[in-house]
N, C-alpha and C. Protein backbone atom coordinates (compact mmCIF):
# COMPACT_ATOMS: atom_id res chain seq x y z
N UNK A 1 176.49 184.62 108.61
CA UNK A 1 177.37 185.32 107.69
C UNK A 1 177.18 186.82 107.83
N UNK A 2 178.26 187.56 107.82
CA UNK A 2 178.16 189.01 107.89
C UNK A 2 177.81 189.55 106.51
N UNK A 3 177.42 190.82 106.47
CA UNK A 3 177.08 191.45 105.19
C UNK A 3 178.29 191.47 104.25
N UNK A 4 179.48 191.71 104.82
CA UNK A 4 180.70 191.74 103.99
C UNK A 4 181.01 190.36 103.43
N UNK A 5 180.83 189.31 104.26
CA UNK A 5 181.07 187.95 103.80
C UNK A 5 180.07 187.58 102.71
N UNK A 6 178.80 187.95 102.93
CA UNK A 6 177.76 187.68 101.95
C UNK A 6 178.07 188.39 100.63
N UNK A 7 178.49 189.63 100.69
CA UNK A 7 178.82 190.40 99.49
C UNK A 7 180.01 189.78 98.75
N UNK A 8 181.01 189.34 99.49
CA UNK A 8 182.18 188.69 98.89
C UNK A 8 181.76 187.39 98.22
N UNK A 9 180.95 186.59 98.89
CA UNK A 9 180.47 185.33 98.31
C UNK A 9 179.67 185.59 97.05
N UNK A 10 178.80 186.60 97.09
CA UNK A 10 177.98 186.94 95.93
C UNK A 10 178.87 187.31 94.74
N UNK A 11 179.84 188.16 94.98
CA UNK A 11 180.76 188.57 93.91
C UNK A 11 181.55 187.38 93.37
N UNK A 12 182.09 186.55 94.27
CA UNK A 12 182.86 185.38 93.85
C UNK A 12 182.00 184.43 93.01
N UNK A 13 180.76 184.23 93.43
CA UNK A 13 179.88 183.31 92.71
C UNK A 13 179.46 183.87 91.36
N UNK A 14 179.28 185.17 91.27
CA UNK A 14 178.97 185.78 89.97
C UNK A 14 180.16 185.66 89.03
N UNK A 15 181.36 185.84 89.56
CA UNK A 15 182.57 185.67 88.73
C UNK A 15 182.68 184.23 88.25
N UNK A 16 182.41 183.29 89.13
CA UNK A 16 182.46 181.88 88.75
C UNK A 16 181.39 181.57 87.70
N UNK A 17 180.20 182.13 87.87
CA UNK A 17 179.12 181.94 86.90
C UNK A 17 179.57 182.47 85.54
N UNK A 18 180.16 183.65 85.53
CA UNK A 18 180.65 184.24 84.28
C UNK A 18 181.68 183.31 83.62
N UNK A 19 182.65 182.84 84.42
CA UNK A 19 183.69 181.96 83.88
C UNK A 19 183.11 180.69 83.29
N UNK A 20 182.11 180.10 83.95
CA UNK A 20 181.50 178.87 83.44
C UNK A 20 180.72 179.12 82.16
N UNK A 21 180.08 180.28 82.05
CA UNK A 21 179.30 180.57 80.84
C UNK A 21 180.18 181.07 79.71
N UNK A 22 181.36 181.57 80.01
CA UNK A 22 182.28 182.03 78.96
C UNK A 22 182.96 180.80 78.35
N UNK A 23 182.20 180.04 77.59
CA UNK A 23 182.63 178.74 77.08
C UNK A 23 183.91 178.83 76.25
N UNK A 24 184.02 179.86 75.43
CA UNK A 24 185.20 179.98 74.58
C UNK A 24 186.33 180.77 75.24
N UNK A 25 186.13 181.16 76.48
CA UNK A 25 187.15 181.85 77.29
C UNK A 25 187.70 183.11 76.62
N UNK A 26 186.80 183.86 75.98
CA UNK A 26 187.24 185.09 75.33
C UNK A 26 187.01 186.33 76.19
N UNK A 27 186.61 186.13 77.45
CA UNK A 27 186.40 187.25 78.36
C UNK A 27 185.07 187.97 78.16
N UNK A 28 184.20 187.38 77.37
CA UNK A 28 182.87 187.95 77.11
C UNK A 28 181.87 186.80 77.07
N UNK A 29 180.65 187.10 77.47
CA UNK A 29 179.63 186.08 77.28
C UNK A 29 178.63 186.57 76.25
N UNK A 30 178.31 185.66 75.37
CA UNK A 30 177.38 185.92 74.28
C UNK A 30 176.19 184.99 74.41
N UNK A 31 175.21 185.21 73.57
CA UNK A 31 174.02 184.37 73.55
C UNK A 31 174.42 182.90 73.37
N UNK A 32 175.42 182.64 72.54
CA UNK A 32 175.84 181.26 72.29
C UNK A 32 176.35 180.59 73.55
N UNK A 33 176.92 181.35 74.48
CA UNK A 33 177.38 180.78 75.74
C UNK A 33 176.19 180.31 76.59
N UNK A 34 175.12 181.08 76.60
CA UNK A 34 173.92 180.70 77.33
C UNK A 34 173.28 179.47 76.67
N UNK A 35 173.27 179.46 75.34
CA UNK A 35 172.72 178.31 74.62
C UNK A 35 173.54 177.06 74.91
N UNK A 36 174.85 177.20 75.05
CA UNK A 36 175.71 176.05 75.36
C UNK A 36 175.36 175.45 76.71
N UNK A 37 175.04 176.29 77.70
CA UNK A 37 174.62 175.79 79.01
C UNK A 37 173.33 174.98 78.86
N UNK A 38 172.38 175.50 78.10
CA UNK A 38 171.13 174.78 77.88
C UNK A 38 171.40 173.44 77.21
N UNK A 39 172.27 173.43 76.23
CA UNK A 39 172.57 172.19 75.50
C UNK A 39 173.27 171.16 76.39
N UNK A 40 174.11 171.61 77.32
CA UNK A 40 174.74 170.67 78.26
C UNK A 40 173.68 169.96 79.10
N UNK A 41 172.68 170.71 79.53
CA UNK A 41 171.61 170.12 80.33
C UNK A 41 170.77 169.19 79.46
N UNK A 42 170.44 169.62 78.26
CA UNK A 42 169.66 168.79 77.34
C UNK A 42 170.40 167.48 77.07
N UNK A 43 171.67 167.55 76.80
CA UNK A 43 172.47 166.35 76.52
C UNK A 43 172.55 165.43 77.74
N UNK A 44 172.64 166.01 78.93
CA UNK A 44 172.71 165.20 80.15
C UNK A 44 171.47 164.35 80.32
N UNK A 45 170.36 164.83 79.83
CA UNK A 45 169.10 164.09 79.94
C UNK A 45 168.81 163.25 78.70
N UNK A 46 169.73 163.29 77.73
CA UNK A 46 169.54 162.50 76.52
C UNK A 46 168.32 162.94 75.74
N UNK A 47 167.98 164.20 75.88
CA UNK A 47 166.77 164.74 75.25
C UNK A 47 167.06 165.14 73.80
N UNK A 48 166.09 164.94 72.94
CA UNK A 48 166.18 165.40 71.56
C UNK A 48 166.12 166.93 71.59
N UNK A 49 167.07 167.59 70.94
CA UNK A 49 167.14 169.06 70.99
C UNK A 49 165.93 169.73 70.34
N UNK A 50 165.12 168.96 69.63
CA UNK A 50 163.92 169.53 69.02
C UNK A 50 162.67 169.30 69.86
N UNK A 51 162.80 168.60 71.01
CA UNK A 51 161.63 168.34 71.85
C UNK A 51 161.11 169.64 72.45
N UNK A 52 159.85 169.66 72.85
CA UNK A 52 159.30 170.87 73.49
C UNK A 52 160.07 171.29 74.74
N UNK A 53 160.51 170.32 75.55
CA UNK A 53 161.25 170.65 76.76
C UNK A 53 162.61 171.27 76.42
N UNK A 54 163.27 170.71 75.41
CA UNK A 54 164.57 171.25 74.99
C UNK A 54 164.41 172.64 74.41
N UNK A 55 163.43 172.83 73.57
CA UNK A 55 163.19 174.16 72.98
C UNK A 55 162.88 175.18 74.07
N UNK A 56 162.06 174.78 75.05
CA UNK A 56 161.72 175.69 76.15
C UNK A 56 162.96 176.07 76.93
N UNK A 57 163.86 175.12 77.14
CA UNK A 57 165.09 175.40 77.89
C UNK A 57 166.00 176.35 77.11
N UNK A 58 166.19 176.09 75.84
CA UNK A 58 167.02 176.98 75.01
C UNK A 58 166.39 178.37 74.96
N UNK A 59 165.07 178.43 74.77
CA UNK A 59 164.39 179.73 74.72
C UNK A 59 164.53 180.49 76.04
N UNK A 60 164.45 179.78 77.17
CA UNK A 60 164.56 180.44 78.47
C UNK A 60 165.96 181.01 78.67
N UNK A 61 166.99 180.23 78.35
CA UNK A 61 168.36 180.74 78.48
C UNK A 61 168.60 181.91 77.53
N UNK A 62 168.10 181.78 76.30
CA UNK A 62 168.26 182.85 75.31
C UNK A 62 167.56 184.13 75.76
N UNK A 63 166.35 183.98 76.26
CA UNK A 63 165.60 185.15 76.73
C UNK A 63 166.29 185.82 77.91
N UNK A 64 166.84 185.01 78.82
CA UNK A 64 167.55 185.59 79.96
C UNK A 64 168.75 186.39 79.46
N UNK A 65 169.52 185.82 78.53
CA UNK A 65 170.66 186.54 77.99
C UNK A 65 170.21 187.84 77.32
N UNK A 66 169.21 187.76 76.45
CA UNK A 66 168.76 188.94 75.72
C UNK A 66 168.30 190.04 76.66
N UNK A 67 167.58 189.67 77.71
CA UNK A 67 167.13 190.66 78.69
C UNK A 67 168.31 191.33 79.37
N UNK A 68 169.24 190.52 79.88
CA UNK A 68 170.39 191.08 80.59
C UNK A 68 171.30 191.88 79.66
N UNK A 69 171.53 191.38 78.46
CA UNK A 69 172.40 192.08 77.50
C UNK A 69 171.79 193.42 77.09
N UNK A 70 170.49 193.45 76.91
CA UNK A 70 169.82 194.71 76.57
C UNK A 70 169.94 195.70 77.72
N UNK A 71 169.70 195.22 78.94
CA UNK A 71 169.83 196.09 80.11
C UNK A 71 171.27 196.55 80.32
N UNK A 72 172.24 195.72 79.89
CA UNK A 72 173.66 196.09 80.02
C UNK A 72 174.09 197.07 78.93
N UNK A 73 173.20 197.28 77.95
CA UNK A 73 173.50 198.25 76.88
C UNK A 73 174.25 197.68 75.69
N UNK A 74 174.40 196.33 75.62
CA UNK A 74 175.10 195.74 74.49
C UNK A 74 174.15 195.17 73.45
N UNK A 75 172.86 195.15 73.76
CA UNK A 75 171.86 194.65 72.83
C UNK A 75 171.75 193.13 72.88
N UNK A 76 170.63 192.61 72.36
CA UNK A 76 170.34 191.17 72.48
C UNK A 76 171.31 190.27 71.71
N UNK A 77 172.07 190.83 70.80
CA UNK A 77 173.05 190.03 70.05
C UNK A 77 174.48 190.44 70.37
N UNK A 78 174.65 191.23 71.43
CA UNK A 78 175.97 191.70 71.81
C UNK A 78 176.68 190.72 72.73
N UNK A 79 177.72 191.21 73.38
CA UNK A 79 178.49 190.40 74.32
C UNK A 79 178.78 191.25 75.55
N UNK A 80 178.74 190.59 76.71
CA UNK A 80 179.00 191.28 77.97
C UNK A 80 180.36 190.89 78.52
N UNK A 81 181.09 191.89 79.00
CA UNK A 81 182.33 191.63 79.74
C UNK A 81 181.94 191.15 81.13
N UNK A 82 182.92 190.68 81.87
CA UNK A 82 182.64 190.24 83.24
C UNK A 82 182.08 191.39 84.08
N UNK A 83 182.67 192.57 83.96
CA UNK A 83 182.18 193.72 84.73
C UNK A 83 180.75 194.07 84.35
N UNK A 84 180.44 194.06 83.05
CA UNK A 84 179.07 194.36 82.62
C UNK A 84 178.09 193.32 83.15
N UNK A 85 178.49 192.06 83.07
CA UNK A 85 177.65 190.97 83.56
C UNK A 85 177.35 191.14 85.05
N UNK A 86 178.37 191.36 85.84
CA UNK A 86 178.19 191.50 87.29
C UNK A 86 177.32 192.73 87.59
N UNK A 87 177.58 193.82 86.91
CA UNK A 87 176.81 195.05 87.13
C UNK A 87 175.33 194.86 86.78
N UNK A 88 175.05 194.23 85.65
CA UNK A 88 173.66 194.08 85.23
C UNK A 88 172.92 193.06 86.09
N UNK A 89 173.59 192.00 86.50
CA UNK A 89 172.95 191.02 87.38
C UNK A 89 172.64 191.67 88.72
N UNK A 90 173.58 192.43 89.23
CA UNK A 90 173.35 193.15 90.48
C UNK A 90 172.13 194.06 90.37
N UNK A 91 172.06 194.82 89.29
CA UNK A 91 170.98 195.79 89.11
C UNK A 91 169.63 195.13 88.80
N UNK A 92 169.62 194.14 87.94
CA UNK A 92 168.36 193.56 87.46
C UNK A 92 167.85 192.40 88.30
N UNK A 93 168.72 191.76 89.04
CA UNK A 93 168.28 190.58 89.79
C UNK A 93 168.39 190.82 91.29
N UNK A 94 169.58 191.16 91.78
CA UNK A 94 169.79 191.24 93.21
C UNK A 94 169.12 192.44 93.86
N UNK A 95 169.24 193.62 93.25
CA UNK A 95 168.66 194.82 93.87
C UNK A 95 167.13 194.75 93.90
N UNK A 96 166.55 193.98 92.98
CA UNK A 96 165.09 193.85 92.94
C UNK A 96 164.58 192.69 93.78
N UNK A 97 165.48 191.96 94.45
CA UNK A 97 165.07 190.87 95.34
C UNK A 97 164.25 189.82 94.63
N UNK A 98 163.19 189.38 95.30
CA UNK A 98 162.36 188.31 94.75
C UNK A 98 161.77 188.66 93.39
N UNK A 99 161.38 189.92 93.21
CA UNK A 99 160.79 190.28 91.91
C UNK A 99 161.82 190.18 90.79
N UNK A 100 163.08 190.53 91.08
CA UNK A 100 164.13 190.40 90.08
C UNK A 100 164.39 188.95 89.73
N UNK A 101 164.46 188.10 90.74
CA UNK A 101 164.66 186.68 90.48
C UNK A 101 163.47 186.08 89.73
N UNK A 102 162.28 186.48 90.10
CA UNK A 102 161.10 185.95 89.41
C UNK A 102 161.04 186.40 87.95
N UNK A 103 161.44 187.61 87.68
CA UNK A 103 161.41 188.14 86.32
C UNK A 103 162.52 187.54 85.45
N UNK A 104 163.72 187.43 85.99
CA UNK A 104 164.88 187.07 85.17
C UNK A 104 165.25 185.59 85.28
N UNK A 105 165.25 185.04 86.47
CA UNK A 105 165.78 183.69 86.69
C UNK A 105 164.70 182.61 86.69
N UNK A 106 163.55 182.91 87.26
CA UNK A 106 162.49 181.88 87.40
C UNK A 106 162.12 181.20 86.08
N UNK A 107 161.96 181.91 84.96
CA UNK A 107 161.60 181.20 83.72
C UNK A 107 162.64 180.14 83.32
N UNK A 108 163.91 180.43 83.57
CA UNK A 108 164.95 179.47 83.23
C UNK A 108 164.91 178.27 84.17
N UNK A 109 164.71 178.52 85.45
CA UNK A 109 164.62 177.41 86.40
C UNK A 109 163.39 176.57 86.10
N UNK A 110 162.27 177.21 85.77
CA UNK A 110 161.07 176.45 85.41
C UNK A 110 161.33 175.58 84.18
N UNK A 111 162.07 176.08 83.21
CA UNK A 111 162.39 175.30 82.02
C UNK A 111 163.35 174.16 82.37
N UNK A 112 164.28 174.41 83.28
CA UNK A 112 165.18 173.34 83.73
C UNK A 112 164.38 172.25 84.43
N UNK A 113 163.43 172.65 85.28
CA UNK A 113 162.58 171.67 85.94
C UNK A 113 161.80 170.88 84.89
N UNK A 114 161.31 171.56 83.86
CA UNK A 114 160.60 170.87 82.77
C UNK A 114 161.47 169.82 82.10
N UNK A 115 162.75 170.10 81.98
CA UNK A 115 163.69 169.14 81.39
C UNK A 115 164.01 168.02 82.38
N UNK A 116 164.25 168.38 83.63
CA UNK A 116 164.65 167.41 84.65
C UNK A 116 163.52 166.47 85.06
N UNK A 117 162.32 166.96 85.01
CA UNK A 117 161.16 166.22 85.52
C UNK A 117 160.78 165.10 84.55
N UNK A 118 161.57 164.05 84.56
CA UNK A 118 161.36 162.96 83.61
C UNK A 118 160.13 162.12 83.92
N UNK A 119 159.63 162.18 85.15
CA UNK A 119 158.43 161.39 85.47
C UNK A 119 157.14 162.22 85.39
N UNK A 120 157.26 163.51 85.06
CA UNK A 120 156.08 164.35 84.81
C UNK A 120 155.28 164.75 86.03
N UNK A 121 155.87 164.70 87.22
CA UNK A 121 155.10 165.07 88.41
C UNK A 121 155.21 166.55 88.77
N UNK A 122 155.96 167.32 87.98
CA UNK A 122 156.09 168.76 88.23
C UNK A 122 157.13 169.11 89.27
N UNK A 123 157.84 168.10 89.77
CA UNK A 123 158.87 168.31 90.77
C UNK A 123 160.12 167.53 90.38
N UNK A 124 161.22 167.87 91.03
CA UNK A 124 162.51 167.26 90.71
C UNK A 124 162.90 166.30 91.83
N UNK A 125 163.15 165.06 91.46
CA UNK A 125 163.58 164.03 92.42
C UNK A 125 165.09 164.17 92.64
N UNK A 126 165.62 163.48 93.65
CA UNK A 126 167.07 163.52 93.85
C UNK A 126 167.85 163.05 92.62
N UNK A 127 167.39 162.01 91.95
CA UNK A 127 168.09 161.50 90.76
C UNK A 127 168.04 162.52 89.63
N UNK A 128 166.88 163.15 89.44
CA UNK A 128 166.74 164.16 88.39
C UNK A 128 167.63 165.37 88.69
N UNK A 129 167.65 165.79 89.94
CA UNK A 129 168.49 166.90 90.37
C UNK A 129 169.96 166.57 90.15
N UNK A 130 170.35 165.36 90.48
CA UNK A 130 171.72 164.92 90.29
C UNK A 130 172.15 164.98 88.83
N UNK A 131 171.26 164.60 87.92
CA UNK A 131 171.58 164.67 86.48
C UNK A 131 171.82 166.12 86.05
N UNK A 132 170.98 167.02 86.54
CA UNK A 132 171.12 168.44 86.19
C UNK A 132 172.47 168.96 86.69
N UNK A 133 172.76 168.69 87.96
CA UNK A 133 174.01 169.21 88.50
C UNK A 133 175.23 168.56 87.85
N UNK A 134 175.12 167.29 87.50
CA UNK A 134 176.23 166.63 86.80
C UNK A 134 176.49 167.33 85.47
N UNK A 135 175.42 167.77 84.80
CA UNK A 135 175.56 168.47 83.52
C UNK A 135 176.34 169.77 83.66
N UNK A 136 176.29 170.38 84.84
CA UNK A 136 177.02 171.63 85.06
C UNK A 136 178.29 171.42 85.87
N UNK A 137 178.70 170.15 86.06
CA UNK A 137 180.00 169.87 86.64
C UNK A 137 180.05 169.60 88.13
N UNK A 138 178.91 169.28 88.75
CA UNK A 138 178.88 169.00 90.19
C UNK A 138 178.99 167.48 90.40
N UNK A 139 179.84 167.07 91.33
CA UNK A 139 180.01 165.65 91.67
C UNK A 139 178.71 165.09 92.27
N UNK A 140 178.44 163.82 92.02
CA UNK A 140 177.22 163.17 92.52
C UNK A 140 177.06 163.28 94.03
N UNK A 141 178.13 163.04 94.78
CA UNK A 141 178.03 163.10 96.24
C UNK A 141 177.67 164.51 96.71
N UNK A 142 178.18 165.52 96.05
CA UNK A 142 177.85 166.90 96.40
C UNK A 142 176.41 167.23 96.02
N UNK A 143 175.92 166.64 94.95
CA UNK A 143 174.54 166.88 94.52
C UNK A 143 173.56 166.34 95.56
N UNK A 144 173.87 165.18 96.14
CA UNK A 144 172.99 164.61 97.17
C UNK A 144 172.89 165.53 98.38
N UNK A 145 174.02 166.05 98.82
CA UNK A 145 174.03 166.96 99.97
C UNK A 145 173.28 168.26 99.64
N UNK A 146 173.51 168.79 98.44
CA UNK A 146 172.83 170.01 98.03
C UNK A 146 171.32 169.80 98.00
N UNK A 147 170.89 168.66 97.48
CA UNK A 147 169.46 168.36 97.43
C UNK A 147 168.85 168.43 98.83
N UNK A 148 169.51 167.78 99.78
CA UNK A 148 168.98 167.77 101.15
C UNK A 148 168.86 169.18 101.73
N UNK A 149 169.84 170.02 101.45
CA UNK A 149 169.81 171.40 101.97
C UNK A 149 168.72 172.24 101.29
N UNK A 150 168.46 171.97 100.02
CA UNK A 150 167.49 172.76 99.27
C UNK A 150 166.06 172.31 99.53
N UNK A 151 165.85 171.05 99.83
CA UNK A 151 164.51 170.49 100.04
C UNK A 151 163.92 171.05 101.34
N UNK A 152 163.44 172.27 101.25
CA UNK A 152 163.00 173.03 102.43
C UNK A 152 161.92 172.33 103.23
N UNK A 153 160.96 171.69 102.56
CA UNK A 153 159.88 171.05 103.29
C UNK A 153 160.15 169.58 103.59
N UNK A 154 161.30 169.07 103.15
CA UNK A 154 161.71 167.71 103.46
C UNK A 154 160.88 166.61 102.84
N UNK A 155 160.17 166.92 101.74
CA UNK A 155 159.30 165.92 101.14
C UNK A 155 159.98 165.03 100.09
N UNK A 156 161.28 165.25 99.86
CA UNK A 156 162.00 164.39 98.94
C UNK A 156 161.94 164.81 97.48
N UNK A 157 161.33 165.96 97.20
CA UNK A 157 161.32 166.51 95.84
C UNK A 157 161.53 168.01 95.92
N UNK A 158 161.94 168.59 94.79
CA UNK A 158 162.15 170.04 94.73
C UNK A 158 161.17 170.65 93.75
N UNK A 159 160.58 171.76 94.17
CA UNK A 159 159.68 172.51 93.30
C UNK A 159 160.44 173.66 92.64
N UNK A 160 159.80 174.28 91.68
CA UNK A 160 160.39 175.47 91.06
C UNK A 160 160.65 176.52 92.13
N UNK A 161 159.69 176.72 93.03
CA UNK A 161 159.86 177.72 94.09
C UNK A 161 161.08 177.42 94.97
N UNK A 162 161.25 176.16 95.38
CA UNK A 162 162.40 175.80 96.20
C UNK A 162 163.71 176.05 95.45
N UNK A 163 163.72 175.74 94.16
CA UNK A 163 164.93 175.93 93.37
C UNK A 163 165.23 177.40 93.12
N UNK A 164 164.20 178.21 92.89
CA UNK A 164 164.43 179.65 92.72
C UNK A 164 165.01 180.22 94.01
N UNK A 165 164.45 179.86 95.15
CA UNK A 165 164.97 180.33 96.44
C UNK A 165 166.41 179.86 96.65
N UNK A 166 166.68 178.62 96.29
CA UNK A 166 168.04 178.08 96.48
C UNK A 166 169.04 178.81 95.61
N UNK A 167 168.70 179.05 94.35
CA UNK A 167 169.62 179.77 93.45
C UNK A 167 169.83 181.19 93.96
N UNK A 168 168.76 181.84 94.38
CA UNK A 168 168.87 183.19 94.94
C UNK A 168 169.77 183.19 96.17
N UNK A 169 169.48 182.31 97.11
CA UNK A 169 170.26 182.27 98.35
C UNK A 169 171.71 181.88 98.08
N UNK A 170 171.95 180.98 97.14
CA UNK A 170 173.31 180.61 96.77
C UNK A 170 174.07 181.83 96.25
N UNK A 171 173.47 182.52 95.29
CA UNK A 171 174.17 183.67 94.70
C UNK A 171 174.26 184.86 95.65
N UNK A 172 173.39 184.91 96.63
CA UNK A 172 173.47 185.97 97.63
C UNK A 172 174.47 185.61 98.74
N UNK A 173 175.02 184.39 98.69
CA UNK A 173 175.98 183.96 99.69
C UNK A 173 175.36 183.45 100.96
N UNK A 174 174.06 183.13 100.90
CA UNK A 174 173.36 182.65 102.11
C UNK A 174 173.16 181.14 102.13
N UNK A 175 173.51 180.46 101.05
CA UNK A 175 173.39 179.01 100.97
C UNK A 175 174.67 178.47 100.39
N UNK A 176 175.28 177.58 101.12
CA UNK A 176 176.57 177.05 100.68
C UNK A 176 176.39 175.64 100.14
N UNK A 177 175.97 175.56 98.87
CA UNK A 177 175.85 174.29 98.16
C UNK A 177 176.53 174.46 96.81
N UNK A 178 177.04 173.39 96.24
CA UNK A 178 177.77 173.49 94.98
C UNK A 178 176.85 173.50 93.76
N UNK A 179 176.32 174.66 93.41
CA UNK A 179 175.43 174.74 92.27
C UNK A 179 176.14 175.05 90.96
N UNK A 180 177.41 175.39 91.02
CA UNK A 180 178.13 175.74 89.79
C UNK A 180 179.17 174.71 89.38
N UNK A 181 179.38 173.71 90.16
CA UNK A 181 180.37 172.70 89.80
C UNK A 181 181.79 173.21 90.03
N UNK A 182 182.72 172.48 89.44
CA UNK A 182 184.13 172.80 89.63
C UNK A 182 184.59 173.90 88.69
């Protein structure tokens, strides 16, 4: 992929991410939109919303929103437009590379793994991964293919590190797997 293609893919994927999180389609994303994403995942796993895993997931999504919204200048209880969202993600996550992803995205992915990891081994199996992606609108057949591409060491499970790298590479336009659904 060329730099221009990668940049176009990154922008397109950020716009799609914004659209998926803008649950009420008001052209802004608020904390409640991030909480709704967490609840979709919690519901997909049939988890009690008061469980430690569910609370950790909601807290991770909420913290990510509050961090980005504060950096965007709208405050932790404000709302971001699509342009503000793209600008702040670019500045706080992409320009900082691995450190940006580790600071902003990794806690949420770790919480998602905590929710998905129904057998308690600290890793995500293909079935667990499929449930997560189904919660965000990805077809089962596409989830299987995505799992194979993300499983860097080929051991049949995904770690937090593999998932952080996959999400980073996906949003940077370097990995073509359906992580956002339809």
